[in-house]
């Protein structure tokens, strides 16, 4: 535990908010792992400012993969009462940005790597550290073409997002989209003679609300989620330049989070059809009226069958008898799509502490994670 806390102290001290570089943390982890006999591979982002790592120790084989991201969410605008980038221990808690999401897990993984260097492994221990997870799993998508050939086919992958050490076997997929609405500008005194792009935008929002109602009442349902159906959400809407000008352009940013049973392409087809309907309403008045939809990011969901061998294996290691599903997205779906049996399991509570001011991690959660790591090491050892 002392080793894990020492490592966590180092990790929290690196300001790895997604808008900044994670290089210092990645170089620390690289040196740490190399000093313990791991083969470490750097995976640089397209801009060269950020580093992902893949590390492996042990003989050739399937082994177990431990996956984590190194970036954290911003602290600006939050009422912190402690230095967010300095680990503070008070009673049975440690405070600092990323303690729960998810540097506590990273510290436990590196602590395991230290112990693994002192034993003979019969299977490899594999570690993947990514960047830019907090901005839509961007980093792992950039890493995957270089990472996948190195991974092989581990018999289990643990993504250590905070689940209070429960074994999570599912989460929804997500797509982020942008709709640009094109209308016709003119003087507002003659507004009915022109096509207001904001009206196209609000009509399109109404179409999305209709889709939401369809999926809520007639789509697939999974009671394991607090919101058991596929959801739609509009987060940003803008348009117009001045009150006395009919706007010729409006833009909205929206998302959908979907159950595995509701296929993303089918949802996107419904959205595109809705955009076409809105544009057609106005084209008799202005032929160029339209709504252009662009999907600019997406990540897959996770759906693990109870019959999958990784489930009882993870339950045994985490000392849990049940499974759960989480509301938030993770990188787990990417590994699952590679055919790697994957679950989400890590210390801390996303609902209780994740992304909040004075983020903290209970020491009991960290100890439970270290204990799970010990069981993984025992399983991999000769």
Protein backbone atom coordinates (compact mmCIF):
# COMPACT_ATOMS: atom_id res chain seq x y z
CA UNK A 1 0.00 0.00 0.00
CA UNK A 2 2.85 2.39 0.82
CA UNK A 3 4.34 1.76 -2.62
CA UNK A 4 1.00 2.40 -4.32
CA UNK A 5 0.48 5.64 -2.39
CA UNK A 6 4.00 6.82 -3.20
CA UNK A 7 3.31 6.23 -6.88
CA UNK A 8 -0.10 7.91 -6.67
CA UNK A 9 1.55 10.95 -5.07
CA UNK A 10 3.78 11.22 -8.15
CA UNK A 11 0.92 10.70 -10.60
CA UNK A 12 -1.39 13.30 -9.07
CA UNK A 13 1.46 15.80 -9.20
CA UNK A 14 1.43 15.68 -13.01
CA UNK A 15 -1.15 18.10 -14.43
CA UNK A 16 -2.51 15.92 -17.20
CA UNK A 17 -5.74 17.76 -17.98
CA UNK A 18 -6.67 16.64 -21.50
CA UNK A 19 -5.95 20.07 -23.00
CA UNK A 20 -2.32 19.71 -21.88
CA UNK A 21 0.45 17.22 -22.59
CA UNK A 22 0.76 14.01 -20.59
CA UNK A 23 4.41 13.50 -21.58
CA UNK A 24 5.91 13.97 -18.11
CA UNK A 25 3.64 11.34 -16.58
CA UNK A 26 4.17 8.98 -19.53
CA UNK A 27 7.96 9.34 -19.33
CA UNK A 28 7.82 8.66 -15.57
CA UNK A 29 5.78 5.50 -16.19
CA UNK A 30 8.06 4.44 -19.05
CA UNK A 31 11.19 4.76 -16.90
CA UNK A 32 9.46 3.01 -13.99
CA UNK A 33 8.46 0.05 -16.15
CA UNK A 34 11.73 -0.23 -18.04
CA UNK A 35 13.63 -0.30 -14.74
CA UNK A 36 11.57 -3.36 -13.83
CA UNK A 37 12.31 -5.32 -16.97
CA UNK A 38 9.24 -4.43 -19.03
CA UNK A 39 9.50 -3.95 -22.76
CA UNK A 40 7.90 -0.55 -23.30
CA UNK A 41 6.68 0.90 -26.58
CA UNK A 42 5.77 4.55 -27.08
CA UNK A 43 2.76 5.48 -29.18
CA UNK A 44 2.83 9.19 -29.97
CA UNK A 45 -0.25 11.20 -30.89
CA UNK A 46 -0.40 12.84 -34.36
CA UNK A 47 0.69 16.21 -32.94
CA UNK A 48 3.64 14.74 -31.05
CA UNK A 49 2.59 16.29 -27.72
CA UNK A 50 1.14 13.22 -26.02
CA UNK A 51 2.31 9.70 -25.35
CA UNK A 52 0.55 6.40 -25.01
CA UNK A 53 2.46 3.40 -23.70
CA UNK A 54 2.29 -0.33 -24.17
CA UNK A 55 4.38 -2.44 -21.79
CA UNK A 56 4.82 -6.19 -21.42
CA UNK A 57 6.81 -8.50 -19.18
CA UNK A 58 6.99 -12.27 -19.20
CA UNK A 59 7.09 -15.06 -21.78
CA UNK A 60 5.16 -15.05 -25.03
CA UNK A 61 1.52 -15.92 -24.57
CA UNK A 62 -1.95 -14.60 -23.98
CA UNK A 63 -1.63 -13.20 -20.48
CA UNK A 64 -3.72 -10.45 -18.89
CA UNK A 65 -4.04 -6.85 -20.06
CA UNK A 66 -4.52 -3.93 -17.67
CA UNK A 67 -5.74 -0.74 -19.33
CA UNK A 68 -5.97 2.85 -18.07
CA UNK A 69 -5.96 6.43 -19.29
CA UNK A 70 -3.60 9.08 -17.94
CA UNK A 71 -5.55 12.29 -18.59
CA UNK A 72 -7.93 14.01 -16.16
CA UNK A 73 -10.76 16.53 -16.43
CA UNK A 74 -10.19 20.26 -15.75
CA UNK A 75 -10.36 21.89 -12.32
CA UNK A 76 -11.18 25.43 -13.52
CA UNK A 77 -14.47 26.73 -12.18
CA UNK A 78 -14.60 24.13 -9.42
CA UNK A 79 -14.45 25.09 -5.73
CA UNK A 80 -11.45 23.05 -4.57
CA UNK A 81 -10.40 23.43 -0.93
CA UNK A 82 -7.11 21.58 -1.53
CA UNK A 83 -4.41 21.77 -4.18
CA UNK A 84 -5.86 19.50 -6.90
CA UNK A 85 -2.41 18.50 -8.15
CA UNK A 86 -0.96 17.54 -4.80
CA UNK A 87 -1.98 14.33 -3.07
CA UNK A 88 -3.48 15.10 0.33
CA UNK A 89 -4.20 12.36 2.84
CA UNK A 90 -6.89 12.96 5.44
CA UNK A 91 -8.09 10.04 7.52
CA UNK A 92 -9.06 7.15 5.26
CA UNK A 93 -9.10 9.24 2.09
CA UNK A 94 -6.60 10.69 -0.35
CA UNK A 95 -7.58 13.84 -2.25
CA UNK A 96 -6.44 15.12 -5.63
CA UNK A 97 -7.53 15.38 -9.23
CA UNK A 98 -7.55 11.93 -10.76
CA UNK A 99 -7.41 9.93 -7.54
CA UNK A 100 -10.65 8.22 -8.53
CA UNK A 101 -10.64 8.81 -12.30
CA UNK A 102 -8.27 7.05 -12.70
CA UNK A 103 -4.77 7.57 -11.35
CA UNK A 104 -5.52 5.44 -8.31
CA UNK A 105 -5.86 2.47 -10.65
CA UNK A 106 -2.75 3.48 -12.61
CA UNK A 107 -0.78 3.62 -9.34
CA UNK A 108 -2.02 0.15 -8.42
CA UNK A 109 -0.99 -1.16 -11.85
CA UNK A 110 2.52 0.29 -11.55
CA UNK A 111 2.81 -1.08 -8.02
CA UNK A 112 1.88 -4.49 -9.42
CA UNK A 113 4.56 -4.07 -12.09
CA UNK A 114 7.11 -3.55 -9.33
CA UNK A 115 6.06 -6.79 -7.64
CA UNK A 116 5.91 -8.66 -10.95
CA UNK A 117 9.58 -7.86 -11.54
CA UNK A 118 10.47 -10.01 -8.54
CA UNK A 119 8.75 -13.25 -9.61
CA UNK A 120 8.85 -15.67 -12.51
CA UNK A 121 5.86 -15.27 -14.81
CA UNK A 122 4.40 -18.18 -16.77
CA UNK A 123 2.22 -15.77 -18.78
CA UNK A 124 2.82 -12.14 -19.76
CA UNK A 125 1.55 -9.14 -17.85
CA UNK A 126 0.46 -6.49 -20.37
CA UNK A 127 -0.20 -2.81 -19.64
CA UNK A 128 -1.75 -0.16 -21.90
CA UNK A 129 -1.78 3.53 -20.90
CA UNK A 130 -3.64 5.99 -23.11
CA UNK A 131 -4.23 9.74 -23.34
CA UNK A 132 -7.27 11.93 -24.15
CA UNK A 133 -9.89 9.49 -22.89
CA UNK A 134 -11.79 12.30 -21.17
CA UNK A 135 -12.53 14.03 -24.48
CA UNK A 136 -14.32 11.11 -26.09
CA UNK A 137 -11.84 8.22 -26.07
CA UNK A 138 -9.84 10.07 -28.72
CA UNK A 139 -6.42 8.77 -27.66
CA UNK A 140 -7.17 5.06 -27.82
CA UNK A 141 -8.64 5.54 -31.31
CA UNK A 142 -5.40 7.18 -32.44
CA UNK A 143 -3.33 4.44 -30.79
CA UNK A 144 -5.27 1.39 -31.88
CA UNK A 145 -3.72 0.66 -35.28
CA UNK A 146 -0.25 0.49 -33.67
CA UNK A 147 -1.40 -0.99 -30.37
CA UNK A 148 -3.52 -3.88 -31.67
CA UNK A 149 -0.68 -5.89 -33.29
CA UNK A 150 1.33 -5.74 -30.06
CA UNK A 151 -1.54 -6.82 -27.80
CA UNK A 152 -2.06 -10.25 -29.24
CA UNK A 153 -5.08 -11.96 -27.67
CA UNK A 154 -4.99 -11.62 -23.87
CA UNK A 155 -7.39 -13.96 -22.16
CA UNK A 156 -8.71 -11.05 -20.09
CA UNK A 157 -8.57 -7.27 -20.10
CA UNK A 158 -9.36 -5.10 -17.08
CA UNK A 159 -10.18 -1.45 -17.76
CA UNK A 160 -9.79 0.24 -14.39
CA UNK A 161 -12.42 2.96 -14.47
CA UNK A 162 -14.02 3.55 -11.05
CA UNK A 163 -16.70 0.93 -10.33
CA UNK A 164 -16.17 0.59 -6.55
CA UNK A 165 -14.37 -2.64 -7.49
CA UNK A 166 -17.54 -4.13 -8.90
CA UNK A 167 -17.24 -6.09 -12.13
CA UNK A 168 -18.94 -4.03 -14.85
CA UNK A 169 -19.95 -5.98 -17.94
CA UNK A 170 -21.63 -3.25 -19.94
CA UNK A 171 -21.96 0.39 -20.85
CA UNK A 172 -23.60 2.27 -23.69
CA UNK A 173 -21.85 3.38 -26.85
CA UNK A 174 -21.80 7.05 -27.79
CA UNK A 175 -21.68 9.19 -30.91
CA UNK A 176 -21.10 12.95 -31.03
CA UNK A 177 -22.60 14.84 -33.96
CA UNK A 178 -22.87 18.30 -35.43
CA UNK A 179 -25.79 19.61 -37.49
CA UNK A 180 -25.37 22.74 -39.61
CA UNK A 181 -28.63 24.31 -40.74
CA UNK A 182 -28.57 26.49 -43.86
CA UNK A 183 -31.22 29.16 -44.38
CA UNK A 184 -31.57 32.52 -46.08
CA UNK A 185 -30.53 35.90 -44.66
CA UNK A 186 -32.54 39.09 -44.96
CA UNK A 187 -33.90 42.08 -43.05
CA UNK A 188 -35.96 41.07 -40.06
CA UNK A 189 -38.70 43.54 -41.04
CA UNK A 190 -39.39 41.13 -43.91
CA UNK A 191 -38.68 37.96 -41.93
CA UNK A 192 -41.49 35.79 -43.41
CA UNK A 193 -39.97 36.22 -46.88
CA UNK A 194 -36.80 34.39 -45.83
CA UNK A 195 -35.91 31.00 -44.37
CA UNK A 196 -34.66 31.34 -40.81
CA UNK A 197 -31.87 28.84 -40.11
CA UNK A 198 -32.69 28.87 -36.41
CA UNK A 199 -36.17 27.60 -37.29
CA UNK A 200 -34.58 24.70 -39.16
CA UNK A 201 -32.48 24.01 -36.09
CA UNK A 202 -35.41 24.05 -33.69
CA UNK A 203 -37.44 21.85 -36.04
CA UNK A 204 -34.53 19.43 -36.12
CA UNK A 205 -34.38 19.44 -32.31
CA UNK A 206 -38.06 18.53 -32.31
CA UNK A 207 -37.28 15.62 -34.64
CA UNK A 208 -34.61 14.42 -32.21
CA UNK A 209 -37.13 14.61 -29.37
CA UNK A 210 -39.52 12.47 -31.40
CA UNK A 211 -36.75 9.93 -31.94
CA UNK A 212 -36.10 9.96 -28.21
CA UNK A 213 -39.73 9.17 -27.54
CA UNK A 214 -39.67 6.29 -30.04
CA UNK A 215 -36.57 4.73 -28.50
CA UNK A 216 -37.86 5.27 -24.96
CA UNK A 217 -41.21 3.60 -25.62
CA UNK A 218 -40.55 1.15 -28.46
CA UNK A 219 -36.78 0.57 -28.53
CA UNK A 220 -34.76 -2.00 -26.66
CA UNK A 221 -34.59 -1.75 -22.90
CA UNK A 222 -32.01 -2.89 -20.36
CA UNK A 223 -33.02 -2.50 -16.69
CA UNK A 224 -29.38 -2.79 -15.62
CA UNK A 225 -29.02 0.90 -16.55
CA UNK A 226 -30.58 3.73 -14.55
CA UNK A 227 -31.85 5.06 -17.91
CA UNK A 228 -32.70 1.76 -19.56
CA UNK A 229 -32.98 2.92 -23.19
CA UNK A 230 -30.98 4.72 -25.89
CA UNK A 231 -30.84 8.47 -25.24
CA UNK A 232 -30.51 11.64 -27.34
CA UNK A 233 -29.17 14.93 -26.02
CA UNK A 234 -28.65 18.39 -27.55
CA UNK A 235 -25.84 20.22 -25.76
CA UNK A 236 -25.15 23.34 -27.84
CA UNK A 237 -27.25 25.49 -30.15
CA UNK A 238 -26.14 28.71 -31.83
CA UNK A 239 -27.20 30.89 -34.75
CA UNK A 240 -27.63 34.42 -35.98
CA UNK A 241 -25.49 37.56 -35.96
CA UNK A 242 -27.88 40.35 -35.00
CA UNK A 243 -31.50 40.73 -33.97
CA UNK A 244 -32.48 42.56 -37.16
CA UNK A 245 -30.96 39.97 -39.52
CA UNK A 246 -32.69 36.72 -40.39
CA UNK A 247 -30.00 34.09 -39.69
CA UNK A 248 -28.78 32.07 -42.64
CA UNK A 249 -26.83 29.60 -40.52
CA UNK A 250 -27.40 27.77 -37.25
CA UNK A 251 -25.46 24.95 -35.66
CA UNK A 252 -26.23 22.44 -32.97
CA UNK A 253 -24.07 19.81 -31.30
CA UNK A 254 -25.75 16.68 -30.02
CA UNK A 255 -25.13 13.07 -29.04
CA UNK A 256 -26.77 9.74 -28.69
CA UNK A 257 -25.83 7.03 -26.20
CA UNK A 258 -27.08 3.68 -27.31
CA UNK A 259 -27.66 0.21 -25.99
CA UNK A 260 -25.74 -2.53 -27.76
CA UNK A 261 -29.01 -3.86 -29.16
CA UNK A 262 -29.68 -0.52 -30.90
CA UNK A 263 -27.14 -0.37 -33.70
CA UNK A 264 -25.34 2.90 -34.18
CA UNK A 265 -25.64 2.92 -37.98
CA UNK A 266 -29.39 2.41 -37.75
CA UNK A 267 -29.67 5.35 -35.34
CA UNK A 268 -27.54 7.50 -37.63
CA UNK A 269 -29.81 6.59 -40.56
CA UNK A 270 -32.84 7.76 -38.56
CA UNK A 271 -31.08 11.03 -37.73
CA UNK A 272 -30.12 11.63 -41.36
CA UNK A 273 -33.69 10.97 -42.48
CA UNK A 274 -34.95 13.47 -39.89
CA UNK A 275 -32.52 16.09 -41.20
CA UNK A 276 -33.76 15.50 -44.74
CA UNK A 277 -37.37 15.92 -43.64
CA UNK A 278 -36.63 19.26 -42.03
CA UNK A 279 -34.76 20.55 -45.07
CA UNK A 280 -37.52 19.48 -47.45
CA UNK A 281 -40.11 21.54 -45.51
CA UNK A 282 -38.34 24.76 -46.49
CA UNK A 283 -36.98 24.02 -49.96
CA UNK A 284 -40.09 25.23 -51.79
CA UNK A 285 -39.32 28.69 -50.40
CA UNK A 286 -35.53 28.45 -50.61
CA UNK A 287 -34.01 25.61 -52.66
CA UNK A 288 -30.73 25.59 -50.72
CA UNK A 289 -32.37 25.09 -47.32
CA UNK A 290 -30.97 21.98 -45.67
CA UNK A 291 -29.62 20.36 -42.50
CA UNK A 292 -26.16 18.80 -42.86
CA UNK A 293 -25.28 16.19 -40.22
CA UNK A 294 -21.70 15.17 -39.42
CA UNK A 295 -20.67 12.52 -36.90
CA UNK A 296 -17.27 13.66 -35.62
CA UNK A 297 -16.60 11.15 -32.87
CA UNK A 298 -17.89 7.84 -31.55
CA UNK A 299 -16.89 5.02 -29.28
CA UNK A 300 -18.40 1.55 -28.97
CA UNK A 301 -20.35 0.26 -26.04
CA UNK A 302 -19.55 -2.84 -24.03
CA UNK A 303 -21.80 -5.85 -23.67
CA UNK A 304 -20.35 -8.97 -22.03
CA UNK A 305 -22.50 -12.08 -21.74
CA UNK A 306 -22.78 -13.66 -18.31
CA UNK A 307 -21.65 -16.90 -19.93
CA UNK A 308 -18.33 -15.36 -21.04
CA UNK A 309 -15.42 -16.95 -19.16
CA UNK A 310 -14.01 -13.53 -18.28
CA UNK A 311 -16.94 -12.83 -15.95
CA UNK A 312 -16.34 -15.52 -13.28
CA UNK A 313 -12.60 -14.95 -13.69
CA UNK A 314 -13.01 -11.23 -12.92
CA UNK A 315 -15.41 -11.96 -10.07
CA UNK A 316 -12.89 -14.30 -8.50
CA UNK A 317 -10.10 -11.76 -8.76
CA UNK A 318 -12.24 -8.86 -7.50
CA UNK A 319 -13.91 -11.03 -4.83
CA UNK A 320 -17.40 -10.20 -6.10
CA UNK A 321 -20.43 -12.40 -6.64
CA UNK A 322 -22.41 -10.03 -8.87
CA UNK A 323 -21.94 -7.84 -11.94
CA UNK A 324 -23.09 -4.36 -12.85
CA UNK A 325 -23.33 -1.96 -15.80
CA UNK A 326 -22.17 1.66 -15.74
CA UNK A 327 -23.69 4.83 -17.15
CA UNK A 328 -20.43 6.34 -18.40
CA UNK A 329 -18.35 5.34 -21.40
CA UNK A 330 -14.92 3.71 -21.31
CA UNK A 331 -12.23 2.38 -23.64
CA UNK A 332 -13.38 -1.18 -22.95
CA UNK A 333 -15.47 -1.46 -26.10
CA UNK A 334 -12.40 -0.98 -28.29
CA UNK A 335 -10.64 -3.94 -26.70
CA UNK A 336 -13.79 -6.02 -26.85
CA UNK A 337 -14.10 -5.31 -30.57
CA UNK A 338 -10.60 -6.76 -30.99
CA UNK A 339 -11.94 -10.03 -29.59
CA UNK A 340 -10.32 -9.54 -26.17
CA UNK A 341 -12.58 -10.58 -23.25
CA UNK A 342 -12.95 -7.30 -21.36
CA UNK A 343 -14.57 -5.98 -18.19
CA UNK A 344 -14.43 -2.69 -16.32
CA UNK A 345 -13.28 -2.84 -12.70
CA UNK A 346 -11.48 -0.24 -10.64
CA UNK A 347 -11.40 1.63 -7.33
CA UNK A 348 -13.55 4.64 -6.53
CA UNK A 349 -17.03 5.84 -7.36
CA UNK A 350 -17.64 7.79 -10.56
CA UNK A 351 -20.99 9.03 -9.28
CA UNK A 352 -19.62 9.95 -5.88
CA UNK A 353 -16.24 11.48 -6.73
CA UNK A 354 -15.58 11.47 -10.46
CA UNK A 355 -15.08 14.89 -12.10
CA UNK A 356 -15.99 16.71 -8.87
CA UNK A 357 -14.09 19.30 -6.80
CA UNK A 358 -12.10 17.78 -3.92
CA UNK A 359 -12.07 14.46 -5.76
CA UNK A 360 -10.93 11.71 -3.42
CA UNK A 361 -10.38 7.98 -3.16
CA UNK A 362 -11.10 5.83 -0.16
CA UNK A 363 -7.97 3.98 0.96
CA UNK A 364 -10.07 0.85 1.40
CA UNK A 365 -10.91 0.96 -2.32
CA UNK A 366 -7.24 1.30 -3.21
CA UNK A 367 -6.36 -1.60 -0.91
CA UNK A 368 -9.04 -3.74 -2.58
CA UNK A 369 -7.56 -2.91 -5.97
CA UNK A 370 -4.06 -3.82 -4.79
CA UNK A 371 -5.45 -7.12 -3.49
CA UNK A 372 -6.98 -7.84 -6.89
CA UNK A 373 -3.61 -7.08 -8.49
CA UNK A 374 -1.97 -9.59 -6.13
CA UNK A 375 -4.43 -12.25 -7.29
CA UNK A 376 -3.66 -11.44 -10.93
CA UNK A 377 0.04 -11.75 -10.20
CA UNK A 378 -0.47 -15.09 -8.46
CA UNK A 379 -2.47 -16.33 -11.44
CA UNK A 380 0.26 -15.30 -13.89
CA UNK A 381 3.17 -16.61 -11.80
CA UNK A 382 4.93 -19.94 -12.02
